[in-house]
Amino acid sequence: MRWVIVGSVLIVAMIWVLLTFFPIEGAQTQWSENLFAGIFVVVFGFSSLPRRPHQRTPRQLFNPISGMSIATLMATCAIFFVAGWTASKYAVLALMIGGIVCIAAAIAGATSQDLKTGYLVGSTPFWQQMGLLVGVTISTGRDRRNLNLMNKGLEKYIPTPIPVNIQACLPA
């Protein structure tokens, strides 16, 4: 239980530092609002964990990520609305909370699935995580170049005028 509490405090602290010292441009929030965002991530993250993974076969994991993400987003927006946080910067903050919880739910479900499948084939959790680490590192290094090229191509936006004849669309 001690590690869960320490990990939860670290998650809140990391989110607070990220939002306070590296804010999203145009969506800067106060330090107290950033602290609430970190707490929301921990609370909604724990409520989004996969349910009863030990009672299901590896193909029957109950982890509806989209439902958990929408529920987190709706609950966060409802809390923000009641608190009077209705500016656009709070919409960005709510989306960030929903995104983090979505990623946490996906990782938790994948880890649960990996551990159950690994148990069936005789693997150990350590070597499963080492394989995951190697796979993620290699794919991240490979995809980094492609993402940088796509970002470079989208740096300058040139609008293209499309002529539309409104009169031709109206009935005579």
N, C-alpha and C. Protein backbone atom coordinates (compact mmCIF):
# COMPACT_ATOMS: atom_id res chain seq x y z
N MET A 1 0.83 -1.20 0.00
CA MET A 1 0.00 0.00 0.00
C MET A 1 0.87 1.26 0.00
N ARG A 2 2.03 1.13 0.64
CA ARG A 2 2.92 2.28 0.71
C ARG A 2 3.38 2.70 -0.68
N TRP A 3 3.67 1.71 -1.56
CA TRP A 3 4.13 2.04 -2.90
C TRP A 3 3.03 2.67 -3.73
N VAL A 4 1.80 2.27 -3.49
CA VAL A 4 0.67 2.87 -4.21
C VAL A 4 0.54 4.34 -3.84
N ILE A 5 0.67 4.63 -2.55
CA ILE A 5 0.56 6.03 -2.09
C ILE A 5 1.73 6.85 -2.61
N VAL A 6 2.94 6.30 -2.53
CA VAL A 6 4.12 7.03 -3.03
C VAL A 6 3.99 7.26 -4.53
N GLY A 7 3.57 6.25 -5.28
CA GLY A 7 3.39 6.40 -6.72
C GLY A 7 2.32 7.42 -7.06
N SER A 8 1.23 7.42 -6.30
CA SER A 8 0.15 8.39 -6.55
C SER A 8 0.62 9.81 -6.29
N VAL A 9 1.36 10.01 -5.22
CA VAL A 9 1.90 11.35 -4.93
C VAL A 9 2.88 11.77 -6.02
N LEU A 10 3.70 10.84 -6.51
CA LEU A 10 4.63 11.17 -7.59
C LEU A 10 3.89 11.55 -8.88
N ILE A 11 2.80 10.85 -9.19
CA ILE A 11 2.03 11.18 -10.38
C ILE A 11 1.43 12.58 -10.27
N VAL A 12 0.85 12.88 -9.09
CA VAL A 12 0.28 14.22 -8.88
C VAL A 12 1.36 15.28 -9.02
N ALA A 13 2.54 15.01 -8.42
CA ALA A 13 3.64 15.99 -8.48
C ALA A 13 4.13 16.18 -9.91
N MET A 14 4.27 15.08 -10.67
CA MET A 14 4.76 15.21 -12.05
C MET A 14 3.77 15.98 -12.92
N ILE A 15 2.49 15.71 -12.75
CA ILE A 15 1.49 16.44 -13.54
C ILE A 15 1.48 17.91 -13.14
N TRP A 16 1.60 18.19 -11.85
CA TRP A 16 1.63 19.58 -11.39
C TRP A 16 2.83 20.31 -11.98
N VAL A 17 4.01 19.67 -11.93
CA VAL A 17 5.22 20.30 -12.49
C VAL A 17 5.06 20.53 -13.99
N LEU A 18 4.55 19.52 -14.70
CA LEU A 18 4.37 19.66 -16.15
C LEU A 18 3.44 20.82 -16.49
N LEU A 19 2.30 20.91 -15.81
CA LEU A 19 1.33 21.95 -16.13
C LEU A 19 1.74 23.32 -15.62
N THR A 20 2.48 23.37 -14.53
CA THR A 20 2.87 24.66 -13.95
C THR A 20 4.08 25.27 -14.66
N PHE A 21 5.10 24.46 -14.92
CA PHE A 21 6.33 24.99 -15.48
C PHE A 21 6.46 24.83 -16.99
N PHE A 22 5.66 23.95 -17.59
CA PHE A 22 5.66 23.76 -19.04
C PHE A 22 4.21 23.80 -19.53
N PRO A 23 3.53 24.94 -19.37
CA PRO A 23 2.10 24.99 -19.71
C PRO A 23 1.86 24.92 -21.21
N ILE A 24 0.66 24.50 -21.55
CA ILE A 24 0.25 24.48 -22.95
C ILE A 24 0.03 25.93 -23.38
N GLU A 25 0.59 26.30 -24.52
CA GLU A 25 0.51 27.68 -24.98
C GLU A 25 -0.95 28.10 -25.15
N GLY A 26 -1.32 29.20 -24.53
CA GLY A 26 -2.68 29.72 -24.61
C GLY A 26 -3.62 29.10 -23.60
N ALA A 27 -3.13 28.16 -22.80
CA ALA A 27 -4.00 27.49 -21.82
C ALA A 27 -3.32 27.40 -20.46
N GLN A 28 -2.65 28.46 -20.07
CA GLN A 28 -1.97 28.48 -18.77
C GLN A 28 -3.00 28.49 -17.65
N THR A 29 -2.77 27.68 -16.63
CA THR A 29 -3.65 27.61 -15.47
C THR A 29 -2.86 27.89 -14.21
N GLN A 30 -3.57 28.16 -13.13
CA GLN A 30 -2.94 28.47 -11.84
C GLN A 30 -2.37 27.19 -11.22
N TRP A 31 -1.48 27.34 -10.23
CA TRP A 31 -0.86 26.18 -9.61
C TRP A 31 -1.88 25.31 -8.88
N SER A 32 -2.89 25.93 -8.28
CA SER A 32 -3.90 25.14 -7.55
C SER A 32 -4.76 24.33 -8.52
N GLU A 33 -5.06 24.89 -9.68
CA GLU A 33 -5.84 24.17 -10.69
C GLU A 33 -5.03 23.00 -11.25
N ASN A 34 -3.73 23.18 -11.38
CA ASN A 34 -2.87 22.10 -11.84
C ASN A 34 -2.80 20.98 -10.80
N LEU A 35 -2.82 21.35 -9.53
CA LEU A 35 -2.83 20.35 -8.46
C LEU A 35 -4.12 19.53 -8.51
N PHE A 36 -5.25 20.21 -8.70
CA PHE A 36 -6.52 19.49 -8.84
C PHE A 36 -6.50 18.55 -10.05
N ALA A 37 -5.88 18.99 -11.13
CA ALA A 37 -5.78 18.14 -12.32
C ALA A 37 -5.03 16.86 -12.01
N GLY A 38 -3.93 16.97 -11.28
CA GLY A 38 -3.18 15.78 -10.89
C GLY A 38 -3.98 14.84 -10.00
N ILE A 39 -4.73 15.43 -9.08
CA ILE A 39 -5.58 14.61 -8.20
C ILE A 39 -6.68 13.92 -9.00
N PHE A 40 -7.27 14.63 -9.95
CA PHE A 40 -8.30 14.03 -10.81
C PHE A 40 -7.74 12.85 -11.59
N VAL A 41 -6.52 12.99 -12.10
CA VAL A 41 -5.90 11.90 -12.86
C VAL A 41 -5.74 10.66 -11.98
N VAL A 42 -5.30 10.85 -10.75
CA VAL A 42 -5.10 9.70 -9.86
C VAL A 42 -6.45 9.06 -9.51
N VAL A 43 -7.43 9.88 -9.15
CA VAL A 43 -8.74 9.34 -8.75
C VAL A 43 -9.41 8.63 -9.93
N PHE A 44 -9.48 9.28 -11.08
CA PHE A 44 -10.13 8.66 -12.23
C PHE A 44 -9.30 7.52 -12.80
N GLY A 45 -7.99 7.61 -12.66
CA GLY A 45 -7.12 6.52 -13.12
C GLY A 45 -7.36 5.25 -12.33
N PHE A 46 -7.49 5.37 -11.02
CA PHE A 46 -7.75 4.19 -10.20
C PHE A 46 -9.14 3.63 -10.47
N SER A 47 -10.08 4.49 -10.75
CA SER A 47 -11.42 3.99 -11.03
C SER A 47 -11.53 3.38 -12.42
N SER A 48 -10.50 3.53 -13.25
CA SER A 48 -10.54 3.01 -14.62
C SER A 48 -9.73 1.73 -14.80
N LEU A 49 -9.26 1.15 -13.71
CA LEU A 49 -8.46 -0.06 -13.84
C LEU A 49 -9.31 -1.22 -14.33
N PRO A 50 -8.70 -2.18 -15.03
CA PRO A 50 -9.46 -3.33 -15.50
C PRO A 50 -10.10 -4.08 -14.33
N ARG A 51 -11.29 -4.57 -14.52
CA ARG A 51 -12.03 -5.25 -13.46
C ARG A 51 -11.84 -6.75 -13.51
N ARG A 52 -11.54 -7.33 -12.36
CA ARG A 52 -11.44 -8.78 -12.16
C ARG A 52 -10.64 -9.49 -13.25
N PRO A 53 -9.41 -9.11 -13.48
CA PRO A 53 -8.67 -9.77 -14.55
C PRO A 53 -8.35 -11.23 -14.25
N HIS A 54 -8.33 -11.63 -12.98
CA HIS A 54 -7.98 -13.01 -12.63
C HIS A 54 -9.12 -13.98 -12.90
N GLN A 55 -10.32 -13.50 -13.13
CA GLN A 55 -11.46 -14.39 -13.34
C GLN A 55 -11.78 -14.59 -14.81
N ARG A 56 -11.05 -14.01 -15.68
CA ARG A 56 -11.37 -14.10 -17.10
C ARG A 56 -10.23 -14.77 -17.86
N THR A 57 -10.56 -15.34 -18.98
CA THR A 57 -9.53 -15.90 -19.83
C THR A 57 -8.82 -14.76 -20.55
N PRO A 58 -7.66 -14.99 -21.11
CA PRO A 58 -6.91 -13.90 -21.75
C PRO A 58 -7.68 -13.19 -22.86
N ARG A 59 -8.65 -13.84 -23.48
CA ARG A 59 -9.37 -13.19 -24.58
C ARG A 59 -10.59 -12.43 -24.09
N GLN A 60 -10.86 -12.44 -22.78
CA GLN A 60 -12.07 -11.82 -22.26
C GLN A 60 -11.78 -10.71 -21.27
N LEU A 61 -10.77 -9.95 -21.49
CA LEU A 61 -10.44 -8.85 -20.58
C LEU A 61 -11.49 -7.76 -20.67
N PHE A 62 -11.96 -7.32 -19.53
CA PHE A 62 -12.97 -6.27 -19.47
C PHE A 62 -12.26 -4.95 -19.27
N ASN A 63 -12.05 -4.21 -20.34
CA ASN A 63 -11.33 -2.94 -20.26
C ASN A 63 -11.85 -2.00 -21.34
N PRO A 64 -13.06 -1.46 -21.18
CA PRO A 64 -13.60 -0.56 -22.21
C PRO A 64 -12.98 0.82 -22.11
N ILE A 65 -11.87 1.00 -22.81
CA ILE A 65 -11.09 2.23 -22.69
C ILE A 65 -11.89 3.46 -23.13
N SER A 66 -12.62 3.34 -24.22
CA SER A 66 -13.36 4.51 -24.70
C SER A 66 -14.41 4.94 -23.70
N GLY A 67 -15.11 3.98 -23.10
CA GLY A 67 -16.12 4.32 -22.09
C GLY A 67 -15.51 4.98 -20.87
N MET A 68 -14.36 4.48 -20.44
CA MET A 68 -13.70 5.07 -19.28
C MET A 68 -13.20 6.48 -19.58
N SER A 69 -12.71 6.67 -20.79
CA SER A 69 -12.22 8.00 -21.18
C SER A 69 -13.36 9.00 -21.25
N ILE A 70 -14.48 8.60 -21.85
CA ILE A 70 -15.63 9.50 -21.94
C ILE A 70 -16.19 9.79 -20.56
N ALA A 71 -16.27 8.76 -19.71
CA ALA A 71 -16.77 8.98 -18.34
C ALA A 71 -15.87 9.93 -17.57
N THR A 72 -14.56 9.78 -17.73
CA THR A 72 -13.62 10.70 -17.07
C THR A 72 -13.79 12.11 -17.59
N LEU A 73 -13.91 12.26 -18.89
CA LEU A 73 -14.08 13.58 -19.49
C LEU A 73 -15.37 14.23 -19.03
N MET A 74 -16.46 13.46 -19.00
CA MET A 74 -17.74 14.01 -18.57
C MET A 74 -17.71 14.41 -17.08
N ALA A 75 -17.14 13.55 -16.25
CA ALA A 75 -17.06 13.87 -14.82
C ALA A 75 -16.17 15.08 -14.57
N THR A 76 -15.04 15.14 -15.27
CA THR A 76 -14.14 16.29 -15.11
C THR A 76 -14.82 17.57 -15.56
N CYS A 77 -15.49 17.54 -16.70
CA CYS A 77 -16.18 18.73 -17.19
C CYS A 77 -17.32 19.14 -16.25
N ALA A 78 -18.02 18.17 -15.68
CA ALA A 78 -19.09 18.49 -14.72
C ALA A 78 -18.51 19.16 -13.47
N ILE A 79 -17.40 18.64 -12.98
CA ILE A 79 -16.76 19.26 -11.81
C ILE A 79 -16.27 20.66 -12.15
N PHE A 80 -15.67 20.82 -13.32
CA PHE A 80 -15.21 22.14 -13.74
C PHE A 80 -16.38 23.11 -13.88
N PHE A 81 -17.49 22.63 -14.42
CA PHE A 81 -18.66 23.48 -14.60
C PHE A 81 -19.21 23.95 -13.25
N VAL A 82 -19.32 23.02 -12.30
CA VAL A 82 -19.82 23.38 -10.97
C VAL A 82 -18.86 24.36 -10.28
N ALA A 83 -17.56 24.19 -10.53
CA ALA A 83 -16.57 25.09 -9.93
C ALA A 83 -16.50 26.43 -10.65
N GLY A 84 -17.18 26.57 -11.79
CA GLY A 84 -17.15 27.83 -12.53
C GLY A 84 -15.98 27.94 -13.47
N TRP A 85 -15.28 26.84 -13.73
CA TRP A 85 -14.13 26.84 -14.63
C TRP A 85 -14.63 26.56 -16.04
N THR A 86 -15.11 27.60 -16.73
CA THR A 86 -15.71 27.40 -18.04
C THR A 86 -14.92 28.03 -19.18
N ALA A 87 -13.78 28.62 -18.91
CA ALA A 87 -12.97 29.22 -19.98
C ALA A 87 -12.36 28.13 -20.85
N SER A 88 -11.87 28.51 -22.00
CA SER A 88 -11.33 27.52 -22.94
C SER A 88 -10.09 26.82 -22.38
N LYS A 89 -9.34 27.48 -21.52
CA LYS A 89 -8.16 26.83 -20.96
C LYS A 89 -8.54 25.63 -20.10
N TYR A 90 -9.72 25.65 -19.52
CA TYR A 90 -10.17 24.50 -18.72
C TYR A 90 -10.63 23.35 -19.61
N ALA A 91 -11.09 23.66 -20.81
CA ALA A 91 -11.42 22.60 -21.76
C ALA A 91 -10.15 21.83 -22.14
N VAL A 92 -9.07 22.57 -22.33
CA VAL A 92 -7.79 21.94 -22.65
C VAL A 92 -7.33 21.09 -21.46
N LEU A 93 -7.50 21.61 -20.25
CA LEU A 93 -7.11 20.87 -19.05
C LEU A 93 -7.95 19.60 -18.90
N ALA A 94 -9.25 19.68 -19.17
CA ALA A 94 -10.12 18.50 -19.08
C ALA A 94 -9.71 17.45 -20.12
N LEU A 95 -9.39 17.90 -21.33
CA LEU A 95 -8.94 16.95 -22.36
C LEU A 95 -7.62 16.30 -21.97
N MET A 96 -6.75 17.05 -21.34
CA MET A 96 -5.47 16.49 -20.90
C MET A 96 -5.69 15.43 -19.83
N ILE A 97 -6.59 15.70 -18.88
CA ILE A 97 -6.90 14.72 -17.84
C ILE A 97 -7.50 13.47 -18.47
N GLY A 98 -8.45 13.65 -19.38
CA GLY A 98 -9.06 12.51 -20.06
C GLY A 98 -8.05 11.70 -20.86
N GLY A 99 -7.13 12.38 -21.52
CA GLY A 99 -6.11 11.68 -22.29
C GLY A 99 -5.17 10.87 -21.42
N ILE A 100 -4.76 11.43 -20.30
CA ILE A 100 -3.86 10.71 -19.40
C ILE A 100 -4.56 9.47 -18.83
N VAL A 101 -5.81 9.62 -18.43
CA VAL A 101 -6.56 8.48 -17.89
C VAL A 101 -6.77 7.43 -18.98
N CYS A 102 -7.02 7.86 -20.20
CA CYS A 102 -7.19 6.93 -21.31
C CYS A 102 -5.91 6.10 -21.52
N ILE A 103 -4.78 6.76 -21.51
CA ILE A 103 -3.50 6.06 -21.69
C ILE A 103 -3.24 5.13 -20.51
N ALA A 104 -3.54 5.57 -19.30
CA ALA A 104 -3.33 4.72 -18.12
C ALA A 104 -4.21 3.48 -18.19
N ALA A 105 -5.47 3.64 -18.61
CA ALA A 105 -6.37 2.49 -18.72
C ALA A 105 -5.88 1.52 -19.80
N ALA A 106 -5.39 2.05 -20.90
CA ALA A 106 -4.88 1.19 -21.96
C ALA A 106 -3.65 0.41 -21.52
N ILE A 107 -2.75 1.08 -20.83
CA ILE A 107 -1.54 0.41 -20.35
C ILE A 107 -1.89 -0.64 -19.30
N ALA A 108 -2.81 -0.31 -18.40
CA ALA A 108 -3.21 -1.28 -17.37
C ALA A 108 -3.85 -2.51 -18.00
N GLY A 109 -4.71 -2.31 -18.98
CA GLY A 109 -5.33 -3.44 -19.65
C GLY A 109 -4.33 -4.29 -20.41
N ALA A 110 -3.40 -3.64 -21.09
CA ALA A 110 -2.38 -4.37 -21.85
C ALA A 110 -1.47 -5.16 -20.91
N THR A 111 -1.10 -4.55 -19.79
CA THR A 111 -0.24 -5.24 -18.83
C THR A 111 -0.95 -6.44 -18.23
N SER A 112 -2.21 -6.28 -17.88
CA SER A 112 -2.98 -7.39 -17.35
C SER A 112 -3.08 -8.53 -18.37
N GLN A 113 -3.34 -8.17 -19.61
CA GLN A 113 -3.43 -9.16 -20.68
C GLN A 113 -2.08 -9.85 -20.87
N ASP A 114 -1.00 -9.09 -20.89
CA ASP A 114 0.33 -9.67 -21.08
C ASP A 114 0.69 -10.64 -19.96
N LEU A 115 0.38 -10.26 -18.72
CA LEU A 115 0.73 -11.11 -17.60
C LEU A 115 -0.06 -12.42 -17.62
N LYS A 116 -1.33 -12.34 -17.97
CA LYS A 116 -2.14 -13.56 -18.03
C LYS A 116 -1.66 -14.47 -19.16
N THR A 117 -1.40 -13.89 -20.32
CA THR A 117 -0.92 -14.69 -21.44
C THR A 117 0.46 -15.26 -21.15
N GLY A 118 1.33 -14.45 -20.54
CA GLY A 118 2.66 -14.92 -20.18
C GLY A 118 2.63 -16.07 -19.19
N TYR A 119 1.69 -16.02 -18.27
CA TYR A 119 1.54 -17.11 -17.31
C TYR A 119 1.17 -18.40 -18.02
N LEU A 120 0.30 -18.30 -19.02
CA LEU A 120 -0.14 -19.49 -19.75
C LEU A 120 0.99 -20.12 -20.56
N VAL A 121 1.92 -19.32 -21.05
CA VAL A 121 3.02 -19.86 -21.86
C VAL A 121 4.31 -20.04 -21.07
N GLY A 122 4.27 -19.76 -19.75
CA GLY A 122 5.43 -20.00 -18.90
C GLY A 122 6.46 -18.88 -18.85
N SER A 123 6.07 -17.69 -19.17
CA SER A 123 6.98 -16.55 -19.13
C SER A 123 7.01 -15.94 -17.74
N THR A 124 8.01 -15.10 -17.50
CA THR A 124 8.08 -14.38 -16.23
C THR A 124 7.77 -12.90 -16.50
N PRO A 125 7.19 -12.21 -15.52
CA PRO A 125 6.88 -10.79 -15.72
C PRO A 125 8.11 -9.94 -16.07
N PHE A 126 9.26 -10.26 -15.50
CA PHE A 126 10.46 -9.49 -15.78
C PHE A 126 10.81 -9.53 -17.26
N TRP A 127 10.85 -10.74 -17.84
CA TRP A 127 11.23 -10.86 -19.24
C TRP A 127 10.16 -10.32 -20.17
N GLN A 128 8.91 -10.38 -19.75
CA GLN A 128 7.85 -9.77 -20.56
C GLN A 128 8.05 -8.26 -20.63
N GLN A 129 8.36 -7.64 -19.49
CA GLN A 129 8.57 -6.19 -19.48
C GLN A 129 9.83 -5.80 -20.24
N MET A 130 10.87 -6.66 -20.19
CA MET A 130 12.08 -6.38 -20.96
C MET A 130 11.78 -6.42 -22.46
N GLY A 131 10.98 -7.40 -22.88
CA GLY A 131 10.58 -7.47 -24.28
C GLY A 131 9.77 -6.26 -24.70
N LEU A 132 8.87 -5.83 -23.83
CA LEU A 132 8.06 -4.64 -24.11
C LEU A 132 8.95 -3.40 -24.21
N LEU A 133 9.91 -3.28 -23.31
CA LEU A 133 10.83 -2.14 -23.33
C LEU A 133 11.64 -2.10 -24.62
N VAL A 134 12.15 -3.23 -25.04
CA VAL A 134 12.92 -3.28 -26.28
C VAL A 134 12.03 -2.93 -27.48
N GLY A 135 10.84 -3.51 -27.54
CA GLY A 135 9.93 -3.23 -28.65
C GLY A 135 9.52 -1.78 -28.73
N VAL A 136 9.20 -1.18 -27.60
CA VAL A 136 8.79 0.22 -27.59
C VAL A 136 9.97 1.13 -27.97
N THR A 137 11.15 0.81 -27.47
CA THR A 137 12.32 1.64 -27.77
C THR A 137 12.65 1.60 -29.26
N ILE A 138 12.62 0.44 -29.85
CA ILE A 138 12.95 0.32 -31.27
C ILE A 138 11.89 1.02 -32.13
N SER A 139 10.61 0.79 -31.83
CA SER A 139 9.57 1.42 -32.65
C SER A 139 9.55 2.93 -32.47
N THR A 140 9.84 3.41 -31.26
CA THR A 140 9.88 4.86 -31.04
C THR A 140 11.02 5.49 -31.83
N GLY A 141 12.19 4.87 -31.81
CA GLY A 141 13.32 5.39 -32.58
C GLY A 141 13.05 5.39 -34.07
N ARG A 142 12.37 4.35 -34.57
CA ARG A 142 12.06 4.26 -35.99
C ARG A 142 11.01 5.29 -36.40
N ASP A 143 9.97 5.44 -35.58
CA ASP A 143 8.87 6.34 -35.94
C ASP A 143 9.21 7.82 -35.72
N ARG A 144 10.24 8.10 -34.93
CA ARG A 144 10.61 9.48 -34.64
C ARG A 144 10.93 10.24 -35.93
N ARG A 145 11.67 9.59 -36.82
CA ARG A 145 12.04 10.24 -38.07
C ARG A 145 10.81 10.57 -38.91
N ASN A 146 9.89 9.63 -39.01
CA ASN A 146 8.68 9.87 -39.82
C ASN A 146 7.83 10.99 -39.22
N LEU A 147 7.67 11.01 -37.92
CA LEU A 147 6.89 12.06 -37.28
C LEU A 147 7.53 13.43 -37.45
N ASN A 148 8.85 13.49 -37.36
CA ASN A 148 9.54 14.77 -37.57
C ASN A 148 9.37 15.26 -39.01
N LEU A 149 9.40 14.34 -39.97
CA LEU A 149 9.19 14.74 -41.37
C LEU A 149 7.77 15.25 -41.58
N MET A 150 6.78 14.58 -41.00
CA MET A 150 5.40 15.05 -41.15
C MET A 150 5.22 16.41 -40.48
N ASN A 151 5.83 16.60 -39.33
CA ASN A 151 5.73 17.88 -38.64
C ASN A 151 6.40 18.98 -39.46
N LYS A 152 7.50 18.68 -40.07
CA LYS A 152 8.21 19.66 -40.89
C LYS A 152 7.36 20.09 -42.08
N GLY A 153 6.64 19.14 -42.66
CA GLY A 153 5.80 19.45 -43.81
C GLY A 153 4.58 20.27 -43.45
N LEU A 154 4.18 20.26 -42.20
CA LEU A 154 2.98 20.99 -41.78
C LEU A 154 3.29 22.30 -41.06
N GLU A 155 4.56 22.74 -41.11
CA GLU A 155 4.92 23.97 -40.40
C GLU A 155 4.29 25.21 -41.03
N LYS A 156 4.12 25.19 -42.35
CA LYS A 156 3.57 26.36 -43.02
C LYS A 156 2.25 25.98 -43.68
N TYR A 157 1.21 26.66 -43.30
CA TYR A 157 -0.12 26.40 -43.84
C TYR A 157 -0.43 27.43 -44.91
N ILE A 158 -0.74 26.97 -46.09
CA ILE A 158 -1.10 27.87 -47.19
C ILE A 158 -2.55 27.55 -47.58
N PRO A 159 -3.47 28.45 -47.25
CA PRO A 159 -4.88 28.17 -47.61
C PRO A 159 -5.08 28.22 -49.12
N THR A 160 -5.90 27.35 -49.60
CA THR A 160 -6.22 27.28 -51.03
C THR A 160 -7.66 27.72 -51.22
N PRO A 161 -7.88 28.80 -51.97
CA PRO A 161 -9.26 29.23 -52.20
C PRO A 161 -9.99 28.26 -53.12
N ILE A 162 -11.20 27.92 -52.73
CA ILE A 162 -12.03 27.03 -53.53
C ILE A 162 -13.25 27.84 -53.97
N PRO A 163 -13.36 28.10 -55.28
CA PRO A 163 -14.50 28.91 -55.74
C PRO A 163 -15.80 28.10 -55.63
N VAL A 164 -16.81 28.74 -55.04
CA VAL A 164 -18.13 28.12 -54.89
C VAL A 164 -19.17 29.08 -55.46
N ASN A 165 -19.97 28.59 -56.35
CA ASN A 165 -21.04 29.38 -56.94
C ASN A 165 -22.30 29.13 -56.13
N ILE A 166 -22.63 30.04 -55.23
CA ILE A 166 -23.79 29.89 -54.35
C ILE A 166 -25.10 29.93 -55.16
N GLN A 167 -25.13 30.75 -56.18
CA GLN A 167 -26.36 30.88 -56.99
C GLN A 167 -26.73 29.57 -57.66
N ALA A 168 -25.72 28.79 -58.04
CA ALA A 168 -26.00 27.52 -58.70
C ALA A 168 -26.57 26.50 -57.72
N CYS A 169 -26.32 26.68 -56.44
CA CYS A 169 -26.81 25.75 -55.43
C CYS A 169 -28.22 26.05 -55.00
N LEU A 170 -28.70 27.29 -55.19
CA LEU A 170 -30.04 27.67 -54.76
C LEU A 170 -31.08 27.23 -55.77
N PRO A 171 -32.28 26.84 -55.30
CA PRO A 171 -33.33 26.46 -56.25
C PRO A 171 -33.82 27.68 -57.03
N ALA A 172 -34.21 27.48 -58.25
CA ALA A 172 -34.62 28.58 -59.12
C ALA A 172 -35.99 29.09 -58.83
